[in-house]
């Protein structure tokens, strides 16, 4: 059994490596067998404490859903037992009112109502969002990438061959964007100057579109949150934006650095908390990553992987807590669940920025990334489940979970096979749309298998990876833009955005669509190519 369990953690595939150009097998068609570590089957081993945490969130925020209907039922039963004459008599003839009693009762009523509305969290609306699409001159196909990398003279033949193999099986297409000067230059281009130039291009491009779409002036923004993991200059990126748009002096600005591909959801969470304590305000969240500044030019294979996947991109979204924005908002924020596994050393170091033996700076990707990511994802979705799953799914899931914790270790032949086998919740009943961080094809494959999602559920993620590559924390917004361009988002639909990144962190955010989103006529990164998608990735 132990051997079978260990074997199930790996998958194998035969890869066609083409015709051998040199060596004893020159001119022959060659193949290789690639063995990968799968995502752990996280839905088979759920920790009960995370389910309890999810129910704790549900009870804290849903107390009124249980108490108010109960009070209404009791009141209706009491009133329903009286005839119209008895009710009138009880109200006026049997009651002896005085002014002090009436005023005291009214004061208690007003006080209770005030406490309720003051303690109730303000709804947070997503007015609109924008995703930057770079100029066509920055498009780089996979073959062009290898050609430019070869011309730079920074990589030996083995490093180039490794990058080519990664690219061809990555799920990335031939129209992603990258600073060509960074790839082809024979000198070090990972400079502050290049970083600032790229940051200005992508951030201002996304923000210009956002302000144009929403009609909001930069001076109307009261809160600004910017997240970029690798590039963190002084003055900060948020200060660059404030300076460029001449924003007001009392703006609350925050700059999140080093938080990986899941930092976009962290930025939304931070903006939500600030909006709760600052009524009638707008918040802008900018998510991006600087590809050129972290360009690795060494030979360490684990540090060459980010070169193959990460591409230019940036998203900007406008949040509001103004109640009169209800009618113009696209989405309402429902839930945010964050998971951090940084206490574990392996998780902490699985995505790690460091220098190699030649003192070249880069991002090192651990071979245990998929396993660690699966563990973080297991924790996150187990906490999220009680907040979003239908009651029938929660009941089945919770019942089988408790049964396995109480009797899982006993070999009772009379035990029901259905109770021995863990019940996998159907998350397709909780959400209409899925935006899973477009990290890489192998990760998307394993997530689809474990969550039992359909090709339609994963379409936005796969097409975003193909068209734009891994744009880090902004990828989940390119995916939502894809769904809007396809006119799939309708009023009442629930959208699940799931992202994971260094630390190790896994974060979820759930949105409720406030209206049917029609196909945009402009300011959507997919408009020039949406009719070509989805494409076959076989």
Protein backbone atom coordinates (compact mmCIF):
# COMPACT_ATOMS: atom_id res chain seq x y z
CA UNK A 1 0.00 0.00 0.00
CA UNK A 2 2.83 2.40 0.85
CA UNK A 3 4.48 1.76 -2.52
CA UNK A 4 1.22 2.35 -4.36
CA UNK A 5 0.63 5.58 -2.45
CA UNK A 6 4.15 6.81 -3.26
CA UNK A 7 3.78 5.80 -6.91
CA UNK A 8 0.51 7.74 -7.20
CA UNK A 9 2.39 10.92 -6.32
CA UNK A 10 4.20 10.81 -9.69
CA UNK A 11 3.08 11.02 -13.29
CA UNK A 12 5.01 10.07 -16.43
CA UNK A 13 4.77 11.24 -20.02
CA UNK A 14 6.66 10.53 -23.24
CA UNK A 15 8.11 13.68 -24.84
CA UNK A 16 9.08 13.92 -28.51
CA UNK A 17 12.47 15.69 -28.56
CA UNK A 18 12.68 15.85 -32.36
CA UNK A 19 15.53 14.74 -34.59
CA UNK A 20 18.93 14.48 -32.92
CA UNK A 21 21.36 16.91 -34.62
CA UNK A 22 24.63 15.42 -33.39
CA UNK A 23 26.13 12.42 -31.62
CA UNK A 24 25.77 8.69 -32.33
CA UNK A 25 21.99 9.06 -32.87
CA UNK A 26 22.26 11.96 -35.33
CA UNK A 27 19.35 12.03 -37.77
CA UNK A 28 17.17 9.79 -35.59
CA UNK A 29 13.89 10.68 -33.95
CA UNK A 30 14.42 10.66 -30.17
CA UNK A 31 12.04 10.46 -27.24
CA UNK A 32 12.42 10.92 -23.50
CA UNK A 33 10.35 9.93 -20.49
CA UNK A 34 9.53 12.80 -18.14
CA UNK A 35 8.51 12.02 -14.55
CA UNK A 36 6.73 14.74 -12.57
CA UNK A 37 5.59 14.97 -8.99
CA UNK A 38 1.82 15.45 -8.92
CA UNK A 39 -0.15 17.74 -6.71
CA UNK A 40 -1.00 15.78 -3.57
CA UNK A 41 -4.57 14.54 -3.58
CA UNK A 42 -5.42 17.20 -1.02
CA UNK A 43 -9.12 16.44 -0.91
CA UNK A 44 -8.26 12.99 0.41
CA UNK A 45 -6.61 14.34 3.59
CA UNK A 46 -8.48 17.28 5.03
CA UNK A 47 -7.61 18.71 8.43
CA UNK A 48 -10.68 19.17 10.58
CA UNK A 49 -9.40 22.39 12.16
CA UNK A 50 -9.62 24.22 8.83
CA UNK A 51 -13.23 23.11 8.38
CA UNK A 52 -13.92 24.46 11.87
CA UNK A 53 -12.27 27.74 10.90
CA UNK A 54 -14.55 28.03 7.88
CA UNK A 55 -17.64 27.43 10.00
CA UNK A 56 -16.34 29.99 12.50
CA UNK A 57 -16.28 32.59 9.71
CA UNK A 58 -19.75 31.56 8.61
CA UNK A 59 -21.25 31.85 12.10
CA UNK A 60 -19.62 35.23 12.76
CA UNK A 61 -21.00 36.74 9.59
CA UNK A 62 -24.25 34.81 9.35
CA UNK A 63 -25.74 35.19 12.83
CA UNK A 64 -28.48 37.48 11.53
CA UNK A 65 -29.50 34.87 8.95
CA UNK A 66 -30.46 32.54 11.79
CA UNK A 67 -31.81 34.88 14.48
CA UNK A 68 -33.95 37.26 12.39
CA UNK A 69 -36.01 34.52 10.63
CA UNK A 70 -36.53 32.82 14.01
CA UNK A 71 -37.84 36.02 15.59
CA UNK A 72 -40.12 36.61 12.59
CA UNK A 73 -41.54 33.10 12.88
CA UNK A 74 -42.26 33.53 16.61
CA UNK A 75 -43.84 36.95 16.06
CA UNK A 76 -45.95 35.68 13.14
CA UNK A 77 -47.17 32.71 15.18
CA UNK A 78 -48.17 34.99 18.07
CA UNK A 79 -49.96 37.49 15.84
CA UNK A 80 -51.54 34.77 13.70
CA UNK A 81 -53.28 33.24 16.73
CA UNK A 82 -55.25 36.45 17.31
CA UNK A 83 -58.26 37.65 15.38
CA UNK A 84 -58.38 41.19 14.05
CA UNK A 85 -60.63 42.29 16.93
CA UNK A 86 -58.39 40.66 19.57
CA UNK A 87 -55.31 42.26 18.06
CA UNK A 88 -56.91 45.72 18.09
CA UNK A 89 -58.06 45.25 21.67
CA UNK A 90 -54.57 44.12 22.75
CA UNK A 91 -52.97 47.13 21.11
CA UNK A 92 -55.25 49.91 22.29
CA UNK A 93 -57.81 48.89 24.86
CA UNK A 94 -55.72 46.66 27.20
CA UNK A 95 -52.57 48.77 27.05
CA UNK A 96 -52.07 51.76 29.28
CA UNK A 97 -49.44 53.89 27.67
CA UNK A 98 -47.73 56.95 29.09
CA UNK A 99 -45.35 59.32 27.37
CA UNK A 100 -42.28 58.11 29.29
CA UNK A 101 -42.84 54.46 28.25
CA UNK A 102 -43.33 55.40 24.60
CA UNK A 103 -40.19 57.54 24.52
CA UNK A 104 -38.13 54.89 26.32
CA UNK A 105 -39.27 52.18 23.93
CA UNK A 106 -38.58 54.39 20.93
CA UNK A 107 -35.09 55.23 22.26
CA UNK A 108 -34.27 51.53 22.74
CA UNK A 109 -35.49 50.79 19.21
CA UNK A 110 -33.38 53.59 17.67
CA UNK A 111 -30.32 52.58 19.69
CA UNK A 112 -30.62 48.92 18.64
CA UNK A 113 -31.09 49.90 15.01
CA UNK A 114 -28.08 52.23 15.14
CA UNK A 115 -25.82 49.57 16.67
CA UNK A 116 -26.89 47.10 14.01
CA UNK A 117 -26.11 49.39 11.07
CA UNK A 118 -22.88 50.70 12.62
CA UNK A 119 -21.54 47.20 13.29
CA UNK A 120 -22.60 45.83 9.91
CA UNK A 121 -19.67 45.77 7.46
CA UNK A 122 -20.06 48.10 4.51
CA UNK A 123 -20.49 46.34 1.17
CA UNK A 124 -17.40 46.66 -1.02
CA UNK A 125 -18.09 47.11 -4.73
CA UNK A 126 -15.79 46.53 -7.67
CA UNK A 127 -16.72 49.36 -10.03
CA UNK A 128 -14.49 48.17 -12.88
CA UNK A 129 -10.98 46.94 -13.66
CA UNK A 130 -8.42 47.27 -16.44
CA UNK A 131 -5.64 45.00 -17.73
CA UNK A 132 -2.72 46.46 -19.63
CA UNK A 133 -1.93 45.05 -23.06
CA UNK A 134 1.60 45.99 -24.20
CA UNK A 135 2.42 47.22 -27.70
CA UNK A 136 2.70 44.64 -30.48
CA UNK A 137 6.41 45.38 -30.88
CA UNK A 138 6.97 43.65 -27.53
CA UNK A 139 5.41 40.37 -28.70
CA UNK A 140 7.81 37.44 -28.58
CA UNK A 141 7.13 33.95 -29.90
CA UNK A 142 8.80 30.94 -28.32
CA UNK A 143 11.22 30.60 -31.22
CA UNK A 144 12.04 34.31 -31.09
CA UNK A 145 12.69 34.04 -27.37
CA UNK A 146 15.29 31.29 -27.88
CA UNK A 147 16.83 33.22 -30.78
CA UNK A 148 17.15 36.43 -28.73
CA UNK A 149 18.50 34.55 -25.72
CA UNK A 150 21.09 32.88 -27.96
CA UNK A 151 22.20 36.21 -29.47
CA UNK A 152 22.76 37.69 -26.02
CA UNK A 153 25.63 35.29 -25.43
CA UNK A 154 24.60 34.85 -21.79
CA UNK A 155 23.52 31.21 -22.05
CA UNK A 156 25.38 28.08 -23.09
CA UNK A 157 23.86 25.42 -25.34
CA UNK A 158 22.62 23.31 -22.44
CA UNK A 159 20.81 26.26 -20.84
CA UNK A 160 19.22 27.21 -24.17
CA UNK A 161 18.10 23.63 -24.80
CA UNK A 162 16.61 23.42 -21.30
CA UNK A 163 14.67 26.67 -21.76
CA UNK A 164 13.38 25.50 -25.12
CA UNK A 165 12.07 22.23 -23.64
CA UNK A 166 10.35 24.14 -20.83
CA UNK A 167 8.79 26.63 -23.25
CA UNK A 168 7.44 24.02 -25.65
CA UNK A 169 5.60 22.18 -22.86
CA UNK A 170 4.64 25.26 -20.82
CA UNK A 171 1.22 26.03 -22.32
CA UNK A 172 2.49 29.49 -23.32
CA UNK A 173 1.74 30.66 -26.87
CA UNK A 174 3.59 32.80 -29.39
CA UNK A 175 2.07 36.20 -28.59
CA UNK A 176 3.25 36.94 -25.06
CA UNK A 177 5.04 40.16 -24.18
CA UNK A 178 8.54 40.66 -22.88
CA UNK A 179 11.10 43.51 -22.95
CA UNK A 180 13.17 42.39 -25.97
CA UNK A 181 16.11 44.57 -24.96
CA UNK A 182 16.36 42.62 -21.72
CA UNK A 183 16.53 39.26 -23.48
CA UNK A 184 18.87 40.16 -26.33
CA UNK A 185 21.23 42.58 -24.57
CA UNK A 186 24.79 41.41 -24.01
CA UNK A 187 25.08 43.58 -20.89
CA UNK A 188 23.27 43.51 -17.55
CA UNK A 189 19.84 45.08 -18.03
CA UNK A 190 18.43 44.24 -14.60
CA UNK A 191 18.99 47.84 -13.51
CA UNK A 192 16.89 50.33 -11.56
CA UNK A 193 16.54 52.42 -14.74
CA UNK A 194 15.10 49.52 -16.74
CA UNK A 195 12.89 48.53 -13.81
CA UNK A 196 11.41 52.01 -13.47
CA UNK A 197 10.88 52.24 -17.23
CA UNK A 198 8.96 48.94 -17.31
CA UNK A 199 6.98 49.87 -14.18
CA UNK A 200 5.94 53.21 -15.69
CA UNK A 201 4.85 51.54 -18.92
CA UNK A 202 2.63 48.84 -17.43
CA UNK A 203 1.22 50.68 -14.38
CA UNK A 204 0.35 53.93 -16.13
CA UNK A 205 -1.05 51.99 -19.07
CA UNK A 206 -3.45 50.05 -16.83
CA UNK A 207 -4.41 53.11 -14.76
CA UNK A 208 -5.08 55.27 -17.82
CA UNK A 209 -7.55 52.65 -19.02
CA UNK A 210 -9.17 52.36 -15.58
CA UNK A 211 -9.73 56.10 -15.23
CA UNK A 212 -11.10 56.24 -18.77
CA UNK A 213 -13.53 53.35 -18.18
CA UNK A 214 -14.86 54.60 -14.84
CA UNK A 215 -14.77 58.37 -15.37
CA UNK A 216 -13.11 58.77 -11.96
CA UNK A 217 -10.46 61.48 -11.57
CA UNK A 218 -7.14 60.52 -9.93
CA UNK A 219 -7.78 63.15 -7.24
CA UNK A 220 -10.96 61.30 -6.23
CA UNK A 221 -8.96 58.29 -5.06
CA UNK A 222 -8.56 58.11 -1.28
CA UNK A 223 -6.72 54.77 -1.00
CA UNK A 224 -3.96 53.34 -3.18
CA UNK A 225 -2.49 49.82 -2.84
CA UNK A 226 0.29 48.63 -5.16
CA UNK A 227 1.81 45.16 -5.12
CA UNK A 228 4.95 44.10 -6.97
CA UNK A 229 7.00 41.24 -5.60
CA UNK A 230 10.48 41.72 -7.07
CA UNK A 231 10.96 45.40 -7.94
CA UNK A 232 10.71 47.71 -4.92
CA UNK A 233 12.53 51.01 -5.55
CA UNK A 234 12.76 54.14 -3.41
CA UNK A 235 10.58 56.18 -3.80
CA UNK A 236 8.05 53.37 -3.98
CA UNK A 237 5.86 52.36 -6.91
CA UNK A 238 2.84 53.88 -5.16
CA UNK A 239 4.77 57.15 -4.89
CA UNK A 240 5.51 56.96 -8.64
CA UNK A 241 1.77 56.73 -9.33
CA UNK A 242 0.92 59.58 -6.96
CA UNK A 243 3.57 61.76 -8.58
CA UNK A 244 2.50 60.93 -12.14
CA UNK A 245 -1.22 61.56 -11.58
CA UNK A 246 -0.76 64.38 -9.03
CA UNK A 247 -3.05 62.69 -6.52
CA UNK A 248 -4.21 64.44 -3.36
CA UNK A 249 -1.96 64.90 -0.36
CA UNK A 250 -4.05 62.95 2.17
CA UNK A 251 -4.24 59.75 0.11
CA UNK A 252 -3.61 56.54 2.08
CA UNK A 253 -0.96 54.70 0.03
CA UNK A 254 0.56 51.26 0.58
CA UNK A 255 3.24 49.31 -1.26
CA UNK A 256 3.35 45.50 -0.93
CA UNK A 257 6.62 43.81 -1.90
CA UNK A 258 8.00 40.28 -1.96
CA UNK A 259 4.59 38.64 -1.58
CA UNK A 260 4.53 36.63 -4.80
CA UNK A 261 1.81 35.82 -7.30
CA UNK A 262 -0.99 35.80 -4.70
CA UNK A 263 -0.33 39.41 -3.63
CA UNK A 264 -3.16 40.79 -5.77
CA UNK A 265 -5.75 39.22 -3.45
CA UNK A 266 -3.79 40.45 -0.43
CA UNK A 267 -4.00 43.95 -1.92
CA UNK A 268 -7.79 43.61 -2.25
CA UNK A 269 -8.01 42.39 1.36
CA UNK A 270 -5.98 45.37 2.58
CA UNK A 271 -8.09 47.81 0.57
CA UNK A 272 -11.26 46.25 1.97
CA UNK A 273 -10.09 46.67 5.57
CA UNK A 274 -9.14 50.30 4.97
CA UNK A 275 -12.44 51.03 3.23
CA UNK A 276 -14.34 49.65 6.24
CA UNK A 277 -12.86 52.37 8.42
CA UNK A 278 -13.00 55.16 5.80
CA UNK A 279 -16.58 55.64 4.60
CA UNK A 280 -17.55 57.09 1.20
CA UNK A 281 -14.19 56.42 -0.41
CA UNK A 282 -12.57 54.97 -3.50
CA UNK A 283 -9.62 52.57 -3.47
CA UNK A 284 -7.38 51.57 -6.36
CA UNK A 285 -5.43 48.29 -6.29
CA UNK A 286 -2.58 47.86 -8.79
CA UNK A 287 -1.01 44.41 -9.31
CA UNK A 288 2.06 43.86 -11.45
CA UNK A 289 5.52 42.33 -11.77
CA UNK A 290 8.71 43.57 -13.45
CA UNK A 291 10.01 40.88 -15.81
CA UNK A 292 13.22 42.63 -16.83
CA UNK A 293 14.44 43.45 -13.34
CA UNK A 294 14.45 39.81 -12.33
CA UNK A 295 15.88 38.47 -15.59
CA UNK A 296 18.27 35.63 -14.77
CA UNK A 297 21.35 35.21 -16.97
CA UNK A 298 23.10 32.28 -15.30
CA UNK A 299 23.10 28.51 -15.78
CA UNK A 300 21.19 27.23 -12.73
CA UNK A 301 18.19 25.36 -14.16
CA UNK A 302 15.86 25.96 -11.21
CA UNK A 303 16.47 29.70 -11.68
CA UNK A 304 15.99 29.63 -15.47
CA UNK A 305 12.36 28.48 -15.12
CA UNK A 306 10.95 31.96 -14.27
CA UNK A 307 12.55 33.32 -17.48
CA UNK A 308 10.38 30.90 -19.45
CA UNK A 309 7.05 31.63 -17.74
CA UNK A 310 6.86 35.22 -16.50
CA UNK A 311 5.67 37.88 -18.94
CA UNK A 312 4.69 41.57 -18.87
CA UNK A 313 1.29 42.49 -17.44
CA UNK A 314 -0.54 44.73 -14.98
CA UNK A 315 -4.06 45.09 -13.61
CA UNK A 316 -5.77 48.02 -11.89
CA UNK A 317 -9.15 47.84 -10.16
CA UNK A 318 -11.42 50.44 -8.59
CA UNK A 319 -13.16 49.54 -5.32
CA UNK A 320 -15.81 51.61 -3.56
CA UNK A 321 -17.77 51.54 -0.30
CA UNK A 322 -20.23 54.20 -1.41
CA UNK A 323 -23.77 52.86 -1.22
CA UNK A 324 -24.93 54.81 -4.27
CA UNK A 325 -22.33 52.94 -6.38
CA UNK A 326 -24.56 49.87 -6.10
CA UNK A 327 -26.15 50.49 -9.51
CA UNK A 328 -22.92 51.10 -11.44
CA UNK A 329 -20.75 48.40 -9.86
CA UNK A 330 -19.89 45.25 -11.77
CA UNK A 331 -19.21 43.02 -8.76
CA UNK A 332 -19.63 42.91 -4.99
CA UNK A 333 -16.96 41.43 -2.75
CA UNK A 334 -18.29 38.39 -0.88
CA UNK A 335 -15.40 36.50 0.77
CA UNK A 336 -11.63 36.52 1.12
CA UNK A 337 -9.77 33.56 2.61
CA UNK A 338 -5.98 33.72 3.04
CA UNK A 339 -3.62 30.85 3.89
CA UNK A 340 0.04 31.24 4.85
CA UNK A 341 2.42 28.28 5.22
CA UNK A 342 5.54 30.34 5.97
CA UNK A 343 6.09 28.66 9.34
CA UNK A 344 7.26 25.55 7.50
CA UNK A 345 10.86 25.80 6.25
CA UNK A 346 10.23 23.91 3.01
CA UNK A 347 7.27 26.12 2.18
CA UNK A 348 9.23 29.24 3.04
CA UNK A 349 12.08 28.39 0.66
CA UNK A 350 10.19 26.79 -2.24
CA UNK A 351 10.21 30.10 -4.19
CA UNK A 352 13.34 31.93 -3.10
CA UNK A 353 15.22 34.89 -4.53
CA UNK A 354 18.97 34.51 -4.25
CA UNK A 355 22.29 34.61 -6.14
CA UNK A 356 23.88 31.62 -7.84
CA UNK A 357 27.55 30.60 -7.70
CA UNK A 358 28.36 33.24 -10.33
CA UNK A 359 26.61 35.94 -8.27
CA UNK A 360 23.75 36.23 -10.78
CA UNK A 361 20.48 37.19 -9.05
CA UNK A 362 17.34 35.20 -9.77
CA UNK A 363 14.28 33.39 -8.46
CA UNK A 364 14.91 29.77 -7.49
CA UNK A 365 11.98 27.36 -7.91
CA UNK A 366 12.02 24.25 -5.72
CA UNK A 367 11.18 20.84 -7.17
CA UNK A 368 8.72 20.48 -4.27
CA UNK A 369 6.66 23.48 -5.41
CA UNK A 370 3.67 21.49 -6.66
CA UNK A 371 3.50 19.38 -3.48
CA UNK A 372 3.79 22.44 -1.22
CA UNK A 373 1.28 24.37 -3.28
CA UNK A 374 -1.18 21.49 -3.02
CA UNK A 375 -0.92 21.47 0.77
CA UNK A 376 -1.60 25.23 0.95
CA UNK A 377 -4.49 24.87 -1.49
CA UNK A 378 -5.99 22.05 0.58
CA UNK A 379 -6.03 24.28 3.64
CA UNK A 380 -7.47 27.24 1.76
CA UNK A 381 -10.37 25.49 0.05
CA UNK A 382 -11.25 23.58 3.22
CA UNK A 383 -11.67 26.90 5.03
CA UNK A 384 -13.55 28.42 2.09
CA UNK A 385 -15.96 25.50 1.67
CA UNK A 386 -18.40 26.25 4.55
CA UNK A 387 -18.71 29.86 3.30
CA UNK A 388 -19.70 29.05 -0.27
CA UNK A 389 -20.88 25.45 -0.71
CA UNK A 390 -24.61 24.63 -0.73
CA UNK A 391 -25.92 23.14 2.49
CA UNK A 392 -26.35 19.69 0.93
CA UNK A 393 -22.67 19.61 -0.11
CA UNK A 394 -21.55 20.84 3.32
CA UNK A 395 -23.62 18.18 5.05
CA UNK A 396 -22.21 15.32 2.96
CA UNK A 397 -18.67 16.63 3.19
CA UNK A 398 -18.80 17.26 6.93
CA UNK A 399 -20.48 13.92 7.69
CA UNK A 400 -17.88 11.87 5.79
CA UNK A 401 -15.08 13.97 7.26
CA UNK A 402 -16.21 13.39 10.85
CA UNK A 403 -16.77 9.69 10.15
CA UNK A 404 -13.24 9.30 8.80
CA UNK A 405 -11.73 11.17 11.77
CA UNK A 406 -13.64 9.05 14.27
CA UNK A 407 -13.55 5.65 12.58
CA UNK A 408 -11.02 6.02 9.76
CA UNK A 409 -8.36 3.98 11.55
CA UNK A 410 -10.64 1.04 12.36
CA UNK A 411 -10.83 -1.90 10.00
CA UNK A 412 -14.45 -2.75 10.62
CA UNK A 413 -15.71 -4.97 7.83
CA UNK A 414 -19.25 -3.70 8.38
CA UNK A 415 -18.30 -0.10 7.66
CA UNK A 416 -19.96 1.40 4.61
CA UNK A 417 -17.58 1.80 1.64
CA UNK A 418 -19.19 5.15 0.83
CA UNK A 419 -18.31 6.42 4.30
CA UNK A 420 -14.73 5.13 4.07
CA UNK A 421 -14.17 7.00 0.83
CA UNK A 422 -13.91 10.77 1.44
CA UNK A 423 -16.57 12.88 -0.21
CA UNK A 424 -15.11 15.47 -2.58
CA UNK A 425 -17.28 18.63 -2.54
CA UNK A 426 -18.57 19.79 -5.90
CA UNK A 427 -17.25 23.35 -6.12
CA UNK A 428 -19.03 23.76 -9.45
CA UNK A 429 -22.23 24.12 -7.40
CA UNK A 430 -20.73 27.08 -5.52
CA UNK A 431 -19.35 29.06 -8.46
CA UNK A 432 -20.22 29.76 -12.06
CA UNK A 433 -16.75 31.02 -13.03
CA UNK A 434 -13.22 30.00 -12.03
CA UNK A 435 -10.13 32.22 -12.29
CA UNK A 436 -7.19 30.04 -11.25
CA UNK A 437 -3.78 31.71 -11.34
CA UNK A 438 -2.20 30.86 -14.70
CA UNK A 439 1.13 29.67 -13.31
CA UNK A 440 1.98 26.81 -15.68
CA UNK A 441 0.33 23.99 -17.59
CA UNK A 442 1.37 21.19 -15.18
CA UNK A 443 -0.07 23.08 -12.20
CA UNK A 444 -3.33 23.80 -14.01
CA UNK A 445 -3.58 20.14 -15.02
CA UNK A 446 -3.20 18.93 -11.44
CA UNK A 447 -5.64 21.51 -10.06
CA UNK A 448 -8.23 20.49 -12.62
CA UNK A 449 -7.81 16.83 -11.73
CA UNK A 450 -8.02 17.32 -7.96
CA UNK A 451 -10.94 19.74 -8.01
CA UNK A 452 -12.69 17.73 -10.74
CA UNK A 453 -13.20 20.81 -12.89
CA UNK A 454 -14.25 20.67 -16.52
CA UNK A 455 -12.36 22.04 -19.50
CA UNK A 456 -14.89 24.86 -19.61
CA UNK A 457 -14.12 25.74 -15.98
CA UNK A 458 -10.39 25.92 -16.75
CA UNK A 459 -10.71 27.62 -20.13
CA UNK A 460 -10.04 31.18 -18.94
CA UNK A 461 -6.90 30.12 -17.06
CA UNK A 462 -5.47 28.07 -19.92
CA UNK A 463 -6.21 30.69 -22.55
CA UNK A 464 -4.68 33.45 -20.40
CA UNK A 465 -1.52 31.38 -19.97
CA UNK A 466 -1.42 30.81 -23.73
CA UNK A 467 -2.05 34.43 -24.75
CA UNK A 468 -0.29 36.44 -22.02
CA UNK A 469 1.90 33.94 -20.14
CA UNK A 470 2.28 34.05 -16.37
CA UNK A 471 1.69 37.72 -15.51
CA UNK A 472 2.03 36.97 -11.77
CA UNK A 473 -0.56 38.57 -9.46
CA UNK A 474 -2.48 40.20 -12.33
CA UNK A 475 -3.24 36.93 -14.18
CA UNK A 476 -6.59 36.34 -12.43
CA UNK A 477 -7.83 39.67 -13.84
CA UNK A 478 -6.83 38.80 -17.40
CA UNK A 479 -8.90 35.66 -16.87
CA UNK A 480 -11.96 37.61 -15.72
CA UNK A 481 -11.48 39.95 -18.70
CA UNK A 482 -11.57 36.86 -20.94
CA UNK A 483 -14.94 35.81 -19.51
CA UNK A 484 -16.32 39.32 -19.98
CA UNK A 485 -15.10 39.41 -23.58
CA UNK A 486 -16.91 36.09 -24.11
CA UNK A 487 -20.09 37.60 -22.53
CA UNK A 488 -20.35 34.76 -20.02
CA UNK A 489 -20.84 36.79 -16.83
CA UNK A 490 -24.48 37.28 -15.88
CA UNK A 491 -26.21 38.94 -12.95
CA UNK A 492 -25.98 36.79 -9.82
CA UNK A 493 -23.03 34.72 -11.04
CA UNK A 494 -20.32 33.92 -8.50
CA UNK A 495 -16.66 34.23 -9.48
CA UNK A 496 -13.88 32.42 -7.62
CA UNK A 497 -10.38 33.85 -8.03
CA UNK A 498 -7.65 31.58 -6.67
CA UNK A 499 -3.95 32.53 -6.52
CA UNK A 500 -0.83 31.14 -4.87
CA UNK A 501 2.74 32.33 -4.53
CA UNK A 502 5.95 32.57 -2.52
CA UNK A 503 5.88 32.39 1.23
CA UNK A 504 4.10 29.96 0.66
CA UNK A 505 0.63 31.51 0.34
CA UNK A 506 -2.68 30.49 -1.19
CA UNK A 507 -5.51 33.05 -1.30
CA UNK A 508 -9.11 33.04 -2.51
CA UNK A 509 -11.54 35.85 -3.25
CA UNK A 510 -15.20 35.46 -4.21
CA UNK A 511 -17.17 38.07 -6.17
CA UNK A 512 -20.89 38.32 -6.91
CA UNK A 513 -21.83 39.75 -10.31
CA UNK A 514 -24.17 42.74 -9.97
CA UNK A 515 -25.19 42.87 -13.63
CA UNK A 516 -24.89 41.11 -16.95
CA UNK A 517 -21.56 42.13 -18.47
CA UNK A 518 -21.86 42.77 -22.19
CA UNK A 519 -18.93 42.40 -24.56
CA UNK A 520 -16.81 45.53 -24.15
CA UNK A 521 -16.24 47.68 -27.23
CA UNK A 522 -12.84 48.91 -26.03
CA UNK A 523 -10.34 48.71 -23.16
CA UNK A 524 -10.23 44.94 -22.94
CA UNK A 525 -6.95 43.08 -23.57
CA UNK A 526 -8.74 40.31 -25.49
CA UNK A 527 -10.66 42.37 -28.03
CA UNK A 528 -8.26 41.87 -30.93
CA UNK A 529 -8.11 38.09 -30.57
CA UNK A 530 -11.15 36.86 -28.61
CA UNK A 531 -12.76 35.32 -31.70
CA UNK A 532 -9.72 33.02 -32.09
CA UNK A 533 -10.13 31.59 -28.60
CA UNK A 534 -10.34 29.02 -27.19
CA UNK A 535 -7.50 27.40 -29.12
CA UNK A 536 -6.46 23.78 -29.04
CA UNK A 537 -3.43 23.20 -26.80
CA UNK A 538 -2.73 19.60 -27.79
